[in-house]
Amino acid sequence: MKICVIGLGKLGYPMAEFLSSSGHSINCYDNNEKTVLKLMDGENYLQFEKGLENFRSNGNKLIFNLNVNDALKDSEICFITVPTPSNSSGSFSNKFIFEVLEDVAVHLKTRENSKEPYIININSTIMPGSTKDELIPYLEKKGFKNNVDFSFLYNPYFVALGDVIKGLENPDLILVGSENKYATKKIMG
């Protein structure tokens, strides 16, 4: 299975390295080209993150991409870990998730003869109801069918910066929100 990780910040990059232990191919992208170039050069810009080096040296290298379409190409699942800043009302903004969904929509158009929906795994913090009320309709307005062309999972991880790896290895809680059995089974692998 080929996995795509979009968002290589303080949570997304450790998640990508953690996923590398699965043995699956991990394509990575971030819209901050400087970050991607540093990672391509082998630099660990999150040196404060305990345990990260163990995954960086596990033999399953991440594939860093400067183009989001290259990162999405041939992937079956996309982990989205982008910022969701608070609005003045106290709710979370999905602005950056929608930007990623624009790219995912382009990718969905290129998928041919796929028998299963493309899995979009939201790791970012979103408000209750966002998937049903905003994210699904967003892709449906582009002509895609929920649970046919795509399926959303909500899978936030509850970790502390500096201990992200520890939290991923030994989570206190695993939360997976989904309405699609195929997607749920795939993520719980």
N, C-alpha and C. Protein backbone atom coordinates (compact mmCIF):
# COMPACT_ATOMS: atom_id res chain seq x y z
N MET A 1 0.86 -1.18 0.00
CA MET A 1 0.00 0.00 0.00
C MET A 1 0.90 1.23 0.00
N LYS A 2 0.49 2.24 -0.75
CA LYS A 2 1.21 3.50 -0.77
C LYS A 2 0.39 4.53 0.01
N ILE A 3 1.06 5.19 0.95
CA ILE A 3 0.43 6.17 1.82
C ILE A 3 0.98 7.55 1.48
N CYS A 4 0.13 8.56 1.55
CA CYS A 4 0.55 9.94 1.37
C CYS A 4 0.33 10.68 2.69
N VAL A 5 1.32 11.45 3.09
CA VAL A 5 1.20 12.30 4.28
C VAL A 5 1.37 13.74 3.82
N ILE A 6 0.35 14.56 4.06
CA ILE A 6 0.41 15.97 3.70
C ILE A 6 0.42 16.78 4.99
N GLY A 7 1.48 17.57 5.14
CA GLY A 7 1.70 18.36 6.34
C GLY A 7 2.83 17.74 7.13
N LEU A 8 4.00 18.35 7.08
CA LEU A 8 5.19 17.80 7.73
C LEU A 8 5.69 18.68 8.86
N GLY A 9 4.74 19.20 9.62
CA GLY A 9 5.09 20.04 10.76
C GLY A 9 5.42 19.20 11.98
N LYS A 10 5.23 19.77 13.13
CA LYS A 10 5.63 19.15 14.40
C LYS A 10 4.85 17.88 14.72
N LEU A 11 3.70 17.70 14.10
CA LEU A 11 2.92 16.47 14.28
C LEU A 11 2.97 15.59 13.03
N GLY A 12 2.89 16.20 11.86
CA GLY A 12 2.84 15.43 10.61
C GLY A 12 4.12 14.70 10.29
N TYR A 13 5.27 15.37 10.50
CA TYR A 13 6.53 14.69 10.19
C TYR A 13 6.78 13.49 11.11
N PRO A 14 6.60 13.62 12.44
CA PRO A 14 6.74 12.43 13.28
C PRO A 14 5.76 11.32 12.89
N MET A 15 4.52 11.70 12.50
CA MET A 15 3.55 10.69 12.06
C MET A 15 4.07 9.95 10.83
N ALA A 16 4.63 10.69 9.88
CA ALA A 16 5.17 10.06 8.67
C ALA A 16 6.29 9.08 9.02
N GLU A 17 7.19 9.50 9.90
CA GLU A 17 8.28 8.60 10.31
C GLU A 17 7.73 7.39 11.05
N PHE A 18 6.74 7.59 11.90
CA PHE A 18 6.10 6.48 12.61
C PHE A 18 5.47 5.51 11.61
N LEU A 19 4.77 6.04 10.61
CA LEU A 19 4.14 5.19 9.60
C LEU A 19 5.17 4.41 8.79
N SER A 20 6.39 4.94 8.70
CA SER A 20 7.42 4.24 7.93
C SER A 20 7.73 2.87 8.51
N SER A 21 7.45 2.67 9.79
CA SER A 21 7.70 1.37 10.41
C SER A 21 6.74 0.30 9.91
N SER A 22 5.69 0.71 9.21
CA SER A 22 4.72 -0.25 8.66
C SER A 22 5.28 -1.03 7.49
N GLY A 23 6.36 -0.52 6.88
CA GLY A 23 6.91 -1.14 5.69
C GLY A 23 6.26 -0.67 4.41
N HIS A 24 5.20 0.12 4.52
CA HIS A 24 4.53 0.66 3.34
C HIS A 24 5.33 1.83 2.78
N SER A 25 5.12 2.12 1.52
CA SER A 25 5.73 3.27 0.87
C SER A 25 5.03 4.54 1.37
N ILE A 26 5.81 5.51 1.84
CA ILE A 26 5.24 6.73 2.41
C ILE A 26 5.71 7.93 1.59
N ASN A 27 4.79 8.53 0.84
CA ASN A 27 5.06 9.76 0.10
C ASN A 27 4.70 10.93 1.00
N CYS A 28 5.55 11.95 1.04
CA CYS A 28 5.34 13.08 1.94
C CYS A 28 5.38 14.39 1.17
N TYR A 29 4.55 15.34 1.64
CA TYR A 29 4.51 16.67 1.03
C TYR A 29 4.18 17.70 2.10
N ASP A 30 4.76 18.88 1.93
CA ASP A 30 4.40 20.04 2.72
C ASP A 30 4.50 21.24 1.79
N ASN A 31 3.62 22.22 1.94
CA ASN A 31 3.67 23.39 1.05
C ASN A 31 4.84 24.32 1.40
N ASN A 32 5.52 24.06 2.51
CA ASN A 32 6.72 24.82 2.86
C ASN A 32 7.92 24.11 2.22
N GLU A 33 8.33 24.61 1.07
CA GLU A 33 9.40 23.97 0.30
C GLU A 33 10.70 23.88 1.09
N LYS A 34 10.99 24.88 1.91
CA LYS A 34 12.23 24.85 2.71
C LYS A 34 12.24 23.65 3.65
N THR A 35 11.11 23.36 4.26
CA THR A 35 11.01 22.20 5.15
C THR A 35 11.27 20.92 4.38
N VAL A 36 10.64 20.79 3.21
CA VAL A 36 10.79 19.58 2.41
C VAL A 36 12.25 19.42 1.97
N LEU A 37 12.87 20.51 1.55
CA LEU A 37 14.27 20.44 1.11
C LEU A 37 15.19 20.03 2.26
N LYS A 38 14.93 20.54 3.46
CA LYS A 38 15.73 20.15 4.63
C LYS A 38 15.59 18.64 4.87
N LEU A 39 14.36 18.16 4.79
CA LEU A 39 14.13 16.73 5.02
C LEU A 39 14.75 15.89 3.91
N MET A 40 14.70 16.38 2.67
CA MET A 40 15.34 15.67 1.55
C MET A 40 16.84 15.56 1.77
N ASP A 41 17.42 16.59 2.40
CA ASP A 41 18.86 16.60 2.67
C ASP A 41 19.22 15.79 3.92
N GLY A 42 18.22 15.18 4.54
CA GLY A 42 18.49 14.34 5.71
C GLY A 42 18.51 15.08 7.03
N GLU A 43 18.13 16.33 7.01
CA GLU A 43 18.14 17.12 8.25
C GLU A 43 16.92 16.80 9.09
N ASN A 44 17.12 16.61 10.37
CA ASN A 44 16.03 16.42 11.31
C ASN A 44 15.78 17.76 11.99
N TYR A 45 14.80 18.50 11.51
CA TYR A 45 14.55 19.82 12.06
C TYR A 45 13.76 19.75 13.38
N LEU A 46 13.38 18.56 13.80
CA LEU A 46 12.66 18.38 15.06
C LEU A 46 13.53 17.61 16.06
N GLN A 47 14.72 18.12 16.30
CA GLN A 47 15.66 17.41 17.16
C GLN A 47 15.16 17.24 18.59
N PHE A 48 14.21 18.07 18.99
CA PHE A 48 13.66 17.96 20.34
C PHE A 48 12.70 16.79 20.48
N GLU A 49 12.28 16.19 19.36
CA GLU A 49 11.28 15.12 19.38
C GLU A 49 11.95 13.79 19.76
N LYS A 50 11.70 13.34 20.99
CA LYS A 50 12.32 12.13 21.51
C LYS A 50 11.84 10.89 20.75
N GLY A 51 12.79 10.03 20.37
CA GLY A 51 12.46 8.77 19.70
C GLY A 51 12.35 8.86 18.19
N LEU A 52 12.36 10.07 17.66
CA LEU A 52 12.21 10.24 16.21
C LEU A 52 13.35 9.60 15.44
N GLU A 53 14.55 9.70 15.98
CA GLU A 53 15.73 9.17 15.29
C GLU A 53 15.63 7.66 15.07
N ASN A 54 14.97 6.95 15.98
CA ASN A 54 14.80 5.50 15.81
C ASN A 54 14.01 5.18 14.54
N PHE A 55 13.04 6.00 14.21
CA PHE A 55 12.24 5.77 13.00
C PHE A 55 12.97 6.27 11.77
N ARG A 56 13.74 7.35 11.92
CA ARG A 56 14.50 7.87 10.78
C ARG A 56 15.53 6.85 10.29
N SER A 57 15.95 5.97 11.16
CA SER A 57 17.00 5.01 10.80
C SER A 57 16.46 3.59 10.68
N ASN A 58 15.17 3.43 10.45
CA ASN A 58 14.58 2.08 10.41
C ASN A 58 14.70 1.39 9.05
N GLY A 59 15.33 2.04 8.07
CA GLY A 59 15.53 1.41 6.77
C GLY A 59 14.42 1.64 5.77
N ASN A 60 13.28 2.16 6.21
CA ASN A 60 12.19 2.46 5.27
C ASN A 60 12.14 3.98 5.10
N LYS A 61 12.83 4.46 4.11
CA LYS A 61 12.96 5.90 3.87
C LYS A 61 11.64 6.51 3.40
N LEU A 62 11.38 7.69 3.89
CA LEU A 62 10.25 8.46 3.39
C LEU A 62 10.61 9.03 2.03
N ILE A 63 9.59 9.20 1.19
CA ILE A 63 9.79 9.79 -0.14
C ILE A 63 9.23 11.20 -0.07
N PHE A 64 10.12 12.19 -0.09
CA PHE A 64 9.70 13.59 0.01
C PHE A 64 9.45 14.14 -1.38
N ASN A 65 8.38 14.91 -1.51
CA ASN A 65 7.99 15.47 -2.80
C ASN A 65 7.82 16.98 -2.70
N LEU A 66 8.26 17.66 -3.76
CA LEU A 66 8.06 19.11 -3.85
C LEU A 66 6.76 19.44 -4.57
N ASN A 67 6.11 18.42 -5.12
CA ASN A 67 4.85 18.60 -5.84
C ASN A 67 3.81 17.70 -5.18
N VAL A 68 2.70 18.27 -4.79
CA VAL A 68 1.66 17.52 -4.08
C VAL A 68 1.08 16.41 -4.95
N ASN A 69 0.99 16.64 -6.26
CA ASN A 69 0.44 15.60 -7.14
C ASN A 69 1.34 14.37 -7.17
N ASP A 70 2.65 14.58 -7.10
CA ASP A 70 3.58 13.46 -7.04
C ASP A 70 3.41 12.68 -5.73
N ALA A 71 3.16 13.39 -4.66
CA ALA A 71 2.97 12.73 -3.37
C ALA A 71 1.69 11.89 -3.36
N LEU A 72 0.65 12.39 -4.00
CA LEU A 72 -0.64 11.69 -4.02
C LEU A 72 -0.66 10.53 -5.02
N LYS A 73 0.19 10.58 -6.02
CA LYS A 73 0.16 9.60 -7.11
C LYS A 73 0.20 8.16 -6.57
N ASP A 74 -0.73 7.36 -7.03
CA ASP A 74 -0.83 5.94 -6.71
C ASP A 74 -1.08 5.63 -5.24
N SER A 75 -1.34 6.64 -4.42
CA SER A 75 -1.59 6.37 -3.00
C SER A 75 -3.03 5.89 -2.82
N GLU A 76 -3.24 5.12 -1.75
CA GLU A 76 -4.57 4.61 -1.42
C GLU A 76 -5.20 5.38 -0.26
N ILE A 77 -4.34 6.05 0.49
CA ILE A 77 -4.80 6.78 1.67
C ILE A 77 -3.95 8.02 1.84
N CYS A 78 -4.59 9.09 2.27
CA CYS A 78 -3.88 10.35 2.51
C CYS A 78 -4.12 10.78 3.96
N PHE A 79 -3.04 10.92 4.71
CA PHE A 79 -3.11 11.46 6.07
C PHE A 79 -2.93 12.97 5.96
N ILE A 80 -3.90 13.71 6.43
CA ILE A 80 -3.84 15.18 6.38
C ILE A 80 -3.60 15.71 7.79
N THR A 81 -2.43 16.33 7.96
CA THR A 81 -2.06 16.90 9.25
C THR A 81 -1.58 18.32 9.00
N VAL A 82 -2.55 19.20 8.81
CA VAL A 82 -2.26 20.60 8.54
C VAL A 82 -2.84 21.45 9.67
N PRO A 83 -2.38 22.68 9.79
CA PRO A 83 -2.91 23.54 10.86
C PRO A 83 -4.42 23.79 10.70
N THR A 84 -5.10 23.84 11.83
CA THR A 84 -6.50 24.25 11.88
C THR A 84 -6.61 25.31 12.98
N PRO A 85 -6.18 26.53 12.65
CA PRO A 85 -6.16 27.59 13.67
C PRO A 85 -7.56 27.95 14.15
N SER A 86 -7.61 28.48 15.35
CA SER A 86 -8.89 28.91 15.91
C SER A 86 -9.37 30.19 15.24
N ASN A 87 -10.66 30.24 15.00
CA ASN A 87 -11.31 31.46 14.51
C ASN A 87 -11.64 32.35 15.70
N SER A 88 -12.07 33.57 15.44
CA SER A 88 -12.45 34.49 16.52
C SER A 88 -13.62 33.94 17.34
N SER A 89 -14.44 33.05 16.74
CA SER A 89 -15.57 32.46 17.44
C SER A 89 -15.14 31.30 18.35
N GLY A 90 -13.88 30.89 18.23
CA GLY A 90 -13.39 29.77 19.03
C GLY A 90 -13.45 28.44 18.29
N SER A 91 -14.09 28.41 17.12
CA SER A 91 -14.11 27.19 16.33
C SER A 91 -12.81 27.07 15.54
N PHE A 92 -12.59 25.92 14.92
CA PHE A 92 -11.38 25.71 14.14
C PHE A 92 -11.63 26.01 12.67
N SER A 93 -10.66 26.60 12.02
CA SER A 93 -10.73 26.90 10.59
C SER A 93 -10.29 25.68 9.79
N ASN A 94 -11.08 25.33 8.79
CA ASN A 94 -10.74 24.23 7.90
C ASN A 94 -10.08 24.72 6.61
N LYS A 95 -9.66 25.97 6.58
CA LYS A 95 -9.10 26.59 5.38
C LYS A 95 -7.99 25.73 4.76
N PHE A 96 -7.05 25.28 5.57
CA PHE A 96 -5.92 24.52 5.03
C PHE A 96 -6.34 23.11 4.62
N ILE A 97 -7.33 22.55 5.28
CA ILE A 97 -7.85 21.24 4.86
C ILE A 97 -8.50 21.37 3.49
N PHE A 98 -9.27 22.45 3.28
CA PHE A 98 -9.89 22.65 1.97
C PHE A 98 -8.84 22.82 0.87
N GLU A 99 -7.72 23.47 1.20
CA GLU A 99 -6.65 23.61 0.21
C GLU A 99 -6.11 22.23 -0.18
N VAL A 100 -5.95 21.35 0.79
CA VAL A 100 -5.49 19.99 0.49
C VAL A 100 -6.56 19.24 -0.31
N LEU A 101 -7.82 19.43 0.05
CA LEU A 101 -8.89 18.74 -0.67
C LEU A 101 -8.96 19.15 -2.14
N GLU A 102 -8.54 20.38 -2.45
CA GLU A 102 -8.44 20.79 -3.86
C GLU A 102 -7.47 19.86 -4.60
N ASP A 103 -6.33 19.59 -3.97
CA ASP A 103 -5.33 18.70 -4.57
C ASP A 103 -5.84 17.26 -4.62
N VAL A 104 -6.52 16.83 -3.58
CA VAL A 104 -7.08 15.48 -3.56
C VAL A 104 -8.11 15.33 -4.68
N ALA A 105 -8.90 16.35 -4.92
CA ALA A 105 -9.89 16.29 -6.00
C ALA A 105 -9.22 16.07 -7.35
N VAL A 106 -8.10 16.73 -7.59
CA VAL A 106 -7.35 16.52 -8.83
C VAL A 106 -6.88 15.07 -8.89
N HIS A 107 -6.40 14.56 -7.77
CA HIS A 107 -5.95 13.17 -7.71
C HIS A 107 -7.11 12.21 -7.98
N LEU A 108 -8.27 12.49 -7.42
CA LEU A 108 -9.42 11.61 -7.61
C LEU A 108 -9.79 11.48 -9.09
N LYS A 109 -9.61 12.55 -9.84
CA LYS A 109 -9.91 12.52 -11.27
C LYS A 109 -8.99 11.59 -12.04
N THR A 110 -7.78 11.35 -11.50
CA THR A 110 -6.80 10.51 -12.20
C THR A 110 -6.94 9.03 -11.85
N ARG A 111 -7.70 8.73 -10.83
CA ARG A 111 -7.85 7.32 -10.42
C ARG A 111 -8.78 6.60 -11.37
N GLU A 112 -8.29 5.55 -11.95
CA GLU A 112 -9.11 4.78 -12.89
C GLU A 112 -9.31 3.37 -12.37
N ASN A 113 -10.50 2.86 -12.60
CA ASN A 113 -10.83 1.47 -12.28
C ASN A 113 -10.60 1.10 -10.83
N SER A 114 -10.71 2.05 -9.93
CA SER A 114 -10.54 1.74 -8.52
C SER A 114 -11.85 1.19 -7.98
N LYS A 115 -11.75 0.04 -7.32
CA LYS A 115 -12.94 -0.61 -6.79
C LYS A 115 -13.30 -0.10 -5.40
N GLU A 116 -12.34 0.53 -4.75
CA GLU A 116 -12.56 1.02 -3.39
C GLU A 116 -12.40 2.53 -3.34
N PRO A 117 -13.06 3.18 -2.39
CA PRO A 117 -12.92 4.64 -2.28
C PRO A 117 -11.52 5.04 -1.82
N TYR A 118 -11.10 6.22 -2.23
CA TYR A 118 -9.84 6.80 -1.77
C TYR A 118 -10.06 7.26 -0.33
N ILE A 119 -9.15 6.89 0.56
CA ILE A 119 -9.32 7.19 1.98
C ILE A 119 -8.60 8.49 2.32
N ILE A 120 -9.34 9.41 2.91
CA ILE A 120 -8.81 10.69 3.36
C ILE A 120 -8.89 10.69 4.88
N ASN A 121 -7.73 10.60 5.51
CA ASN A 121 -7.65 10.49 6.96
C ASN A 121 -7.27 11.85 7.55
N ILE A 122 -8.21 12.47 8.21
CA ILE A 122 -7.98 13.78 8.84
C ILE A 122 -7.38 13.56 10.23
N ASN A 123 -6.13 13.99 10.39
CA ASN A 123 -5.48 13.94 11.70
C ASN A 123 -5.58 15.28 12.41
N SER A 124 -5.81 16.34 11.66
CA SER A 124 -5.92 17.68 12.23
C SER A 124 -7.17 17.78 13.10
N THR A 125 -7.14 18.69 14.05
CA THR A 125 -8.30 18.91 14.91
C THR A 125 -9.36 19.68 14.13
N ILE A 126 -10.57 19.13 14.10
CA ILE A 126 -11.69 19.80 13.45
C ILE A 126 -12.89 19.80 14.39
N MET A 127 -13.84 20.64 14.10
CA MET A 127 -15.03 20.75 14.93
C MET A 127 -15.96 19.56 14.67
N PRO A 128 -16.73 19.14 15.68
CA PRO A 128 -17.73 18.08 15.46
C PRO A 128 -18.66 18.48 14.31
N GLY A 129 -18.94 17.55 13.45
CA GLY A 129 -19.83 17.79 12.32
C GLY A 129 -19.14 18.31 11.08
N SER A 130 -17.87 18.68 11.18
CA SER A 130 -17.17 19.25 10.02
C SER A 130 -17.10 18.29 8.83
N THR A 131 -16.85 17.03 9.11
CA THR A 131 -16.74 16.07 8.02
C THR A 131 -18.07 15.97 7.27
N LYS A 132 -19.14 15.74 8.01
CA LYS A 132 -20.46 15.57 7.39
C LYS A 132 -20.99 16.87 6.78
N ASP A 133 -20.80 17.98 7.47
CA ASP A 133 -21.42 19.23 7.04
C ASP A 133 -20.58 20.05 6.07
N GLU A 134 -19.26 19.84 6.06
CA GLU A 134 -18.40 20.68 5.22
C GLU A 134 -17.51 19.89 4.26
N LEU A 135 -16.78 18.91 4.77
CA LEU A 135 -15.77 18.24 3.95
C LEU A 135 -16.39 17.33 2.89
N ILE A 136 -17.34 16.50 3.29
CA ILE A 136 -18.00 15.62 2.32
C ILE A 136 -18.72 16.45 1.25
N PRO A 137 -19.56 17.45 1.64
CA PRO A 137 -20.22 18.26 0.60
C PRO A 137 -19.23 18.96 -0.33
N TYR A 138 -18.08 19.34 0.19
CA TYR A 138 -17.07 20.02 -0.63
C TYR A 138 -16.64 19.14 -1.80
N LEU A 139 -16.36 17.88 -1.53
CA LEU A 139 -15.96 16.97 -2.61
C LEU A 139 -17.15 16.54 -3.46
N GLU A 140 -18.31 16.43 -2.85
CA GLU A 140 -19.50 16.07 -3.63
C GLU A 140 -19.85 17.15 -4.65
N LYS A 141 -19.64 18.43 -4.29
CA LYS A 141 -19.90 19.52 -5.23
C LYS A 141 -18.96 19.46 -6.43
N LYS A 142 -17.87 18.74 -6.30
CA LYS A 142 -16.91 18.58 -7.39
C LYS A 142 -17.24 17.34 -8.23
N GLY A 143 -18.35 16.69 -7.91
CA GLY A 143 -18.82 15.56 -8.70
C GLY A 143 -18.41 14.19 -8.20
N PHE A 144 -17.84 14.12 -7.00
CA PHE A 144 -17.42 12.83 -6.45
C PHE A 144 -18.47 12.31 -5.48
N LYS A 145 -18.53 10.98 -5.36
CA LYS A 145 -19.52 10.35 -4.49
C LYS A 145 -18.86 9.83 -3.23
N ASN A 146 -19.47 10.22 -2.09
CA ASN A 146 -18.99 9.76 -0.80
C ASN A 146 -19.14 8.24 -0.71
N ASN A 147 -18.12 7.59 -0.18
CA ASN A 147 -18.05 6.15 0.01
C ASN A 147 -18.04 5.36 -1.30
N VAL A 148 -17.91 6.05 -2.41
CA VAL A 148 -17.70 5.41 -3.71
C VAL A 148 -16.35 5.88 -4.26
N ASP A 149 -16.21 7.20 -4.41
CA ASP A 149 -14.96 7.78 -4.90
C ASP A 149 -13.99 8.10 -3.77
N PHE A 150 -14.52 8.45 -2.62
CA PHE A 150 -13.71 8.83 -1.47
C PHE A 150 -14.42 8.45 -0.19
N SER A 151 -13.66 8.36 0.87
CA SER A 151 -14.21 8.13 2.19
C SER A 151 -13.34 8.84 3.21
N PHE A 152 -13.96 9.53 4.14
CA PHE A 152 -13.23 10.24 5.19
C PHE A 152 -13.11 9.39 6.45
N LEU A 153 -11.97 9.54 7.09
CA LEU A 153 -11.76 9.05 8.45
C LEU A 153 -11.37 10.26 9.29
N TYR A 154 -11.81 10.28 10.53
CA TYR A 154 -11.30 11.28 11.47
C TYR A 154 -10.50 10.52 12.49
N ASN A 155 -9.20 10.78 12.53
CA ASN A 155 -8.28 10.02 13.36
C ASN A 155 -7.25 10.95 14.00
N PRO A 156 -7.71 11.81 14.93
CA PRO A 156 -6.75 12.70 15.58
C PRO A 156 -5.88 11.91 16.53
N TYR A 157 -4.70 12.42 16.76
CA TYR A 157 -3.87 11.76 17.77
C TYR A 157 -3.64 12.74 18.90
N PHE A 158 -3.71 12.18 20.09
CA PHE A 158 -3.64 12.96 21.31
C PHE A 158 -2.23 12.83 21.88
N VAL A 159 -1.39 13.78 21.50
CA VAL A 159 0.03 13.71 21.85
C VAL A 159 0.50 15.08 22.30
N ALA A 160 1.66 15.08 22.94
CA ALA A 160 2.28 16.33 23.36
C ALA A 160 3.54 16.55 22.52
N LEU A 161 3.77 17.79 22.12
CA LEU A 161 4.98 18.09 21.36
C LEU A 161 6.19 17.69 22.19
N GLY A 162 7.16 17.09 21.53
CA GLY A 162 8.33 16.57 22.22
C GLY A 162 8.17 15.11 22.61
N ASP A 163 6.91 14.67 22.70
CA ASP A 163 6.59 13.28 23.02
C ASP A 163 5.63 12.68 21.99
N VAL A 164 5.64 13.21 20.78
CA VAL A 164 4.73 12.72 19.74
C VAL A 164 4.97 11.23 19.48
N ILE A 165 6.23 10.85 19.32
CA ILE A 165 6.55 9.45 19.04
C ILE A 165 6.07 8.55 20.17
N LYS A 166 6.32 8.94 21.41
CA LYS A 166 5.87 8.16 22.56
C LYS A 166 4.35 8.01 22.53
N GLY A 167 3.65 9.10 22.21
CA GLY A 167 2.20 9.06 22.14
C GLY A 167 1.67 8.19 21.01
N LEU A 168 2.41 8.12 19.91
CA LEU A 168 2.00 7.26 18.80
C LEU A 168 2.28 5.79 19.10
N GLU A 169 3.40 5.53 19.77
CA GLU A 169 3.76 4.15 20.10
C GLU A 169 2.86 3.57 21.19
N ASN A 170 2.49 4.39 22.16
CA ASN A 170 1.69 3.93 23.30
C ASN A 170 0.55 4.90 23.55
N PRO A 171 -0.43 4.94 22.66
CA PRO A 171 -1.51 5.92 22.83
C PRO A 171 -2.41 5.60 24.03
N ASP A 172 -2.82 6.65 24.71
CA ASP A 172 -3.80 6.50 25.79
C ASP A 172 -5.17 6.21 25.21
N LEU A 173 -5.39 6.71 24.00
CA LEU A 173 -6.70 6.61 23.37
C LEU A 173 -6.50 6.60 21.86
N ILE A 174 -7.22 5.75 21.17
CA ILE A 174 -7.25 5.77 19.71
C ILE A 174 -8.68 6.09 19.30
N LEU A 175 -8.83 7.13 18.53
CA LEU A 175 -10.14 7.56 18.08
C LEU A 175 -10.17 7.47 16.55
N VAL A 176 -11.13 6.71 16.03
CA VAL A 176 -11.32 6.62 14.59
C VAL A 176 -12.79 6.83 14.32
N GLY A 177 -13.09 7.91 13.62
CA GLY A 177 -14.46 8.19 13.23
C GLY A 177 -14.60 7.88 11.75
N SER A 178 -15.58 7.06 11.41
CA SER A 178 -15.78 6.66 10.02
C SER A 178 -17.18 6.13 9.83
N GLU A 179 -17.67 6.23 8.61
CA GLU A 179 -18.93 5.60 8.27
C GLU A 179 -18.72 4.54 7.19
N ASN A 180 -17.46 4.20 6.92
CA ASN A 180 -17.13 3.26 5.86
C ASN A 180 -16.32 2.10 6.44
N LYS A 181 -16.84 0.89 6.34
CA LYS A 181 -16.16 -0.28 6.92
C LYS A 181 -14.83 -0.55 6.25
N TYR A 182 -14.75 -0.37 4.93
CA TYR A 182 -13.50 -0.59 4.22
C TYR A 182 -12.41 0.34 4.75
N ALA A 183 -12.74 1.63 4.88
CA ALA A 183 -11.76 2.61 5.36
C ALA A 183 -11.34 2.30 6.79
N THR A 184 -12.29 1.96 7.63
CA THR A 184 -11.98 1.64 9.02
C THR A 184 -11.05 0.43 9.10
N LYS A 185 -11.37 -0.60 8.35
CA LYS A 185 -10.54 -1.82 8.35
C LYS A 185 -9.12 -1.49 7.85
N LYS A 186 -9.02 -0.66 6.83
CA LYS A 186 -7.72 -0.33 6.27
C LYS A 186 -6.87 0.43 7.29
N ILE A 187 -7.44 1.38 8.01
CA ILE A 187 -6.67 2.17 8.97
C ILE A 187 -6.30 1.34 10.20
N MET A 188 -7.16 0.42 10.58
CA MET A 188 -6.89 -0.39 11.77
C MET A 188 -5.96 -1.55 11.45
N GLY A 189 -5.77 -1.81 10.12
CA GLY A 189 -4.89 -2.81 9.54
C GLY A 189 -4.42 -3.84 10.39
